[in-house]
Amino acid sequence: MRLLLSGEGPTDLGHEKPSTGGMAFVPGPMAWVVDKLLERHHTKYSLLDAHQTGADCVTHIHETALAALGKRGSPLFPGVKFGKGTAFFTRNAQALGLLAKQTCAQEAQPVLAVLFRDGDGVQATSSGEWREKVDSMHRGFAMVDCDTGVPMVPRPKSEAWLLCALRTPGYANCVPLEEASGNDASPNSLKKQLAALRGGADPSAEQQADWVKTGAVDPLRIDMPSFNEFKKSLRAAAQNAGLPLLP
């Protein structure tokens, strides 16, 4: 099985850094969230651990590379039917879905494609706006007949999911976090709240990844509408890829 990931940067699905023989993928916190859920419900092993110890089972594609693929793919004409504000997300999903299908055919193994995009806006992201972004990704995957694509869209952004686990009491009353502003410059932004919990300093991507990897943030316990939507999509894609559903 291969995991195909495309996000926005180091603090979500991860990034690549120079290493001996080329570039090496450094998983971000959201990549570990995906991995932990797959391990518990489908695979019984960590794809990221396997990849980091030499197995070639994870591919990361930067959002700029994905955008370039989208320009060469099927044309998309945004308008009333699809919504001009969500055409970008539809096109991203089309490109990632096509790449997943091509990789699956070339390697003769299932490929799960996870597309991460924050749902934030300058103001608090409305549930309708967030829903449109998620639906646009589902639409993009469907337009290229990819049933193993997974929209990963936190509302308003990934810090909300991390705060759900790290606040006291952890994993309690997390739904209001989705109503917070996605603007990092706001006085009580999610980013500032997360920094306050860690002594006032912005946590690095590596620190955030370690929280999930070591269990300080347990994805199995997060209960929020946007997170549950992602989990539902991940489970459906995994089953479509032929992975078992573990009890």
Protein backbone atom coordinates (compact mmCIF):
# COMPACT_ATOMS: atom_id res chain seq x y z
CA MET A 1 0.00 0.00 0.00
CA ARG A 2 1.11 3.55 -0.71
CA LEU A 3 0.13 6.75 1.09
CA LEU A 4 0.08 9.83 -1.16
CA LEU A 5 0.08 13.10 0.78
CA SER A 6 -0.32 16.71 -0.33
CA GLY A 7 -0.56 19.52 2.19
CA GLU A 8 0.41 23.13 2.67
CA GLY A 9 3.57 22.95 4.77
CA PRO A 10 5.66 21.48 7.62
CA THR A 11 3.03 21.96 10.33
CA ASP A 12 0.37 19.91 8.55
CA LEU A 13 1.31 16.88 6.42
CA GLY A 14 5.02 17.68 6.35
CA HIS A 15 7.83 18.75 4.05
CA GLU A 16 10.95 17.47 2.35
CA LYS A 17 14.55 18.17 3.28
CA PRO A 18 17.86 17.39 1.58
CA SER A 19 19.43 14.08 2.57
CA THR A 20 21.97 11.63 1.29
CA GLY A 21 20.84 10.55 -2.14
CA GLY A 22 18.16 13.20 -2.60
CA MET A 23 15.22 14.57 -0.65
CA ALA A 24 13.69 12.94 2.43
CA PHE A 25 10.11 13.35 3.59
CA VAL A 26 9.65 14.72 7.12
CA PRO A 27 6.13 13.88 8.36
CA GLY A 28 4.18 16.69 10.00
CA PRO A 29 1.58 16.31 12.76
CA MET A 30 -1.32 15.74 10.38
CA ALA A 31 0.59 12.97 8.60
CA TRP A 32 0.96 11.23 11.95
CA VAL A 33 -2.78 11.71 12.56
CA VAL A 34 -3.49 9.89 9.30
CA ASP A 35 -0.97 7.20 10.17
CA LYS A 36 -2.32 6.57 13.68
CA LEU A 37 -5.88 6.17 12.42
CA LEU A 38 -4.85 3.81 9.63
CA GLU A 39 -2.74 1.74 12.02
CA ARG A 40 -5.57 1.35 14.53
CA HIS A 41 -8.45 0.74 12.14
CA HIS A 42 -6.89 -0.83 9.05
CA THR A 43 -3.20 -1.75 8.80
CA LYS A 44 -1.96 -2.79 12.29
CA TYR A 45 1.37 -1.14 11.48
CA SER A 46 2.73 2.37 10.95
CA LEU A 47 3.27 3.31 7.32
CA LEU A 48 5.37 6.29 8.40
CA ASP A 49 7.62 4.17 10.61
CA ALA A 50 8.02 1.69 7.77
CA HIS A 51 8.87 4.46 5.33
CA GLN A 52 11.42 6.02 7.66
CA THR A 53 13.17 2.67 8.08
CA GLY A 54 13.59 2.13 4.36
CA ALA A 55 10.27 0.95 2.93
CA ASP A 56 9.06 2.98 -0.05
CA CYS A 57 5.41 3.39 0.91
CA VAL A 58 4.82 7.14 1.36
CA THR A 59 4.94 9.86 -1.29
CA HIS A 60 4.70 13.57 -0.55
CA ILE A 61 3.82 16.07 -3.27
CA HIS A 62 4.15 19.78 -2.55
CA GLU A 63 1.13 21.95 -3.24
CA THR A 64 2.99 23.87 -5.96
CA ALA A 65 3.82 20.63 -7.75
CA LEU A 66 0.21 19.55 -7.40
CA ALA A 67 -0.98 22.85 -8.85
CA ALA A 68 1.32 22.35 -11.83
CA LEU A 69 -0.17 18.90 -12.41
CA GLY A 70 -3.65 20.40 -12.23
CA LYS A 71 -2.85 22.84 -15.02
CA ARG A 72 -1.95 19.93 -17.28
CA GLY A 73 -4.96 17.84 -16.30
CA SER A 74 -8.64 17.98 -17.13
CA PRO A 75 -9.90 21.54 -17.60
CA LEU A 76 -12.17 22.93 -14.92
CA PHE A 77 -14.48 25.83 -15.63
CA PRO A 78 -15.63 27.33 -12.33
CA GLY A 79 -19.02 28.97 -12.29
CA VAL A 80 -22.44 28.74 -10.74
CA LYS A 81 -22.46 24.96 -10.71
CA PHE A 82 -19.16 24.44 -8.93
CA GLY A 83 -18.60 27.79 -7.24
CA LYS A 84 -15.76 30.10 -8.13
CA GLY A 85 -14.39 30.08 -4.56
CA THR A 86 -13.94 26.31 -4.49
CA ALA A 87 -12.57 25.64 -7.99
CA PHE A 88 -9.02 25.60 -6.60
CA PHE A 89 -9.87 22.75 -4.22
CA THR A 90 -11.69 20.78 -6.91
CA ARG A 91 -8.72 21.10 -9.25
CA ASN A 92 -6.30 20.02 -6.50
CA ALA A 93 -8.37 16.92 -5.84
CA GLN A 94 -8.57 16.12 -9.55
CA ALA A 95 -4.79 16.30 -9.89
CA LEU A 96 -4.10 14.24 -6.77
CA GLY A 97 -6.75 11.70 -7.70
CA LEU A 98 -5.27 11.23 -11.18
CA LEU A 99 -1.81 10.79 -9.68
CA ALA A 100 -3.15 8.22 -7.22
CA LYS A 101 -4.77 6.24 -10.02
CA GLN A 102 -1.63 6.35 -12.17
CA THR A 103 0.53 5.22 -9.24
CA CYS A 104 -1.90 2.43 -8.41
CA ALA A 105 -1.77 1.15 -12.00
CA GLN A 106 2.02 1.38 -12.22
CA GLU A 107 2.72 -0.28 -8.89
CA ALA A 108 -0.24 -2.68 -8.76
CA GLN A 109 -1.01 -1.75 -5.17
CA PRO A 110 -3.66 0.38 -3.45
CA VAL A 111 -2.94 4.10 -3.07
CA LEU A 112 -4.63 6.35 -0.52
CA ALA A 113 -4.51 10.03 -1.46
CA VAL A 114 -4.88 12.58 1.37
CA LEU A 115 -5.40 16.22 0.40
CA PHE A 116 -4.91 18.65 3.30
CA ARG A 117 -6.05 22.25 3.14
CA ASP A 118 -6.87 24.45 6.14
CA GLY A 119 -10.43 25.72 6.14
CA ASP A 120 -9.50 29.07 7.64
CA GLY A 121 -10.42 32.54 6.49
CA VAL A 122 -9.78 36.07 7.66
CA GLN A 123 -12.82 35.78 9.91
CA ALA A 124 -14.24 32.69 11.53
CA THR A 125 -14.95 30.13 8.82
CA SER A 126 -18.67 29.46 8.49
CA SER A 127 -19.86 25.89 8.45
CA GLY A 128 -21.24 26.51 4.97
CA GLU A 129 -17.91 27.73 3.62
CA TRP A 130 -16.08 24.79 5.18
CA ARG A 131 -18.69 22.37 3.79
CA GLU A 132 -18.23 23.80 0.30
CA LYS A 133 -14.47 23.25 0.46
CA VAL A 134 -14.85 19.64 1.59
CA ASP A 135 -17.53 18.94 -1.02
CA SER A 136 -15.38 20.51 -3.74
CA MET A 137 -12.58 18.06 -2.93
CA HIS A 138 -14.97 15.10 -2.99
CA ARG A 139 -16.23 16.40 -6.33
CA GLY A 140 -12.71 16.64 -7.72
CA PHE A 141 -11.85 13.09 -6.72
CA ALA A 142 -15.13 11.83 -8.16
CA MET A 143 -14.58 13.66 -11.47
CA VAL A 144 -11.49 11.52 -12.09
CA ASP A 145 -13.08 8.33 -10.68
CA CYS A 146 -10.78 8.18 -7.67
CA ASP A 147 -12.57 6.54 -4.74
CA THR A 148 -9.49 6.46 -2.50
CA GLY A 149 -9.17 10.24 -2.11
CA VAL A 150 -9.48 11.83 1.33
CA PRO A 151 -10.24 15.51 2.01
CA MET A 152 -8.53 16.61 5.25
CA VAL A 153 -9.92 20.05 6.04
CA PRO A 154 -9.76 21.20 9.68
CA ARG A 155 -12.17 23.95 10.70
CA PRO A 156 -10.85 26.53 10.90
CA LYS A 157 -7.30 25.07 10.91
CA SER A 158 -5.23 22.19 12.27
CA GLU A 159 -4.39 23.99 15.54
CA ALA A 160 -8.02 23.43 16.58
CA TRP A 161 -7.56 19.67 16.45
CA LEU A 162 -4.34 19.83 18.46
CA LEU A 163 -5.87 22.17 21.04
CA CYS A 164 -8.75 19.75 21.53
CA ALA A 165 -6.26 17.23 22.88
CA LEU A 166 -3.84 19.52 24.69
CA ARG A 167 -6.22 21.79 26.62
CA THR A 168 -7.35 20.94 30.14
CA PRO A 169 -9.46 18.90 30.33
CA GLY A 170 -8.31 17.22 27.15
CA TYR A 171 -10.76 16.13 24.46
CA ALA A 172 -13.66 17.91 26.19
CA ASN A 173 -15.98 20.58 24.76
CA CYS A 174 -13.96 20.88 21.55
CA VAL A 175 -16.73 21.88 19.16
CA PRO A 176 -16.50 25.64 19.98
CA LEU A 177 -12.91 25.60 18.70
CA GLU A 178 -14.33 25.31 15.20
CA GLU A 179 -15.99 28.71 15.58
CA ALA A 180 -12.68 30.49 16.28
CA SER A 181 -11.07 32.82 13.76
CA GLY A 182 -8.56 31.36 11.37
CA ASN A 183 -6.66 34.66 11.39
CA ASP A 184 -3.34 34.23 13.23
CA ALA A 185 -3.26 37.98 13.91
CA SER A 186 -6.46 37.96 15.98
CA PRO A 187 -5.98 38.53 19.75
CA ASN A 188 -7.06 35.03 20.78
CA SER A 189 -6.11 33.11 17.67
CA LEU A 190 -5.78 29.35 17.77
CA LYS A 191 -2.07 29.73 17.09
CA LYS A 192 -1.68 31.99 20.12
CA GLN A 193 -3.73 29.61 22.27
CA LEU A 194 -1.50 26.73 21.25
CA ALA A 195 1.64 28.74 22.01
CA ALA A 196 0.25 29.72 25.43
CA LEU A 197 -0.17 26.06 26.33
CA ARG A 198 3.48 25.48 25.50
CA GLY A 199 4.95 28.34 27.54
CA GLY A 200 4.39 31.16 25.06
CA ALA A 201 6.62 29.97 22.22
CA ASP A 202 5.26 28.80 18.90
CA PRO A 203 5.78 25.03 18.75
CA SER A 204 7.86 23.83 15.83
CA ALA A 205 6.58 21.41 13.23
CA GLU A 206 8.81 18.75 14.79
CA GLN A 207 7.32 19.33 18.23
CA GLN A 208 3.79 19.15 16.88
CA ALA A 209 4.59 15.93 15.04
CA ASP A 210 6.06 14.44 18.23
CA TRP A 211 2.84 15.19 20.13
CA VAL A 212 0.94 12.90 17.79
CA LYS A 213 3.70 10.35 17.35
CA THR A 214 4.15 9.89 21.11
CA GLY A 215 0.46 9.98 22.02
CA ALA A 216 0.29 13.39 23.72
CA VAL A 217 -2.30 14.07 21.00
CA ASP A 218 -4.42 10.95 20.48
CA PRO A 219 -6.40 11.13 17.21
CA LEU A 220 -8.60 8.29 18.40
CA ARG A 221 -10.06 10.56 21.09
CA ILE A 222 -10.68 13.75 19.11
CA ASP A 223 -14.39 14.40 18.62
CA MET A 224 -15.10 17.45 16.44
CA PRO A 225 -17.33 17.80 13.37
CA SER A 226 -14.51 18.58 10.91
CA PHE A 227 -12.30 15.85 12.36
CA ASN A 228 -15.11 13.30 12.29
CA GLU A 229 -15.78 14.18 8.65
CA PHE A 230 -12.14 13.52 7.84
CA LYS A 231 -12.18 10.19 9.73
CA LYS A 232 -15.30 9.12 7.85
CA SER A 233 -13.64 9.92 4.52
CA LEU A 234 -10.44 8.12 5.50
CA ARG A 235 -12.31 5.00 6.52
CA ALA A 236 -14.34 4.94 3.29
CA ALA A 237 -11.22 5.43 1.15
CA ALA A 238 -9.33 2.70 3.03
CA GLN A 239 -12.17 0.24 2.51
CA ASN A 240 -12.41 1.21 -1.16
CA ALA A 241 -8.69 0.44 -1.38
CA GLY A 242 -9.38 -3.04 -0.05
CA LEU A 243 -8.01 -2.57 3.45
CA PRO A 244 -9.77 -4.49 6.23
CA LEU A 245 -11.75 -2.69 8.91
CA LEU A 246 -10.37 -3.78 12.26
CA PRO A 247 -12.64 -4.12 15.30
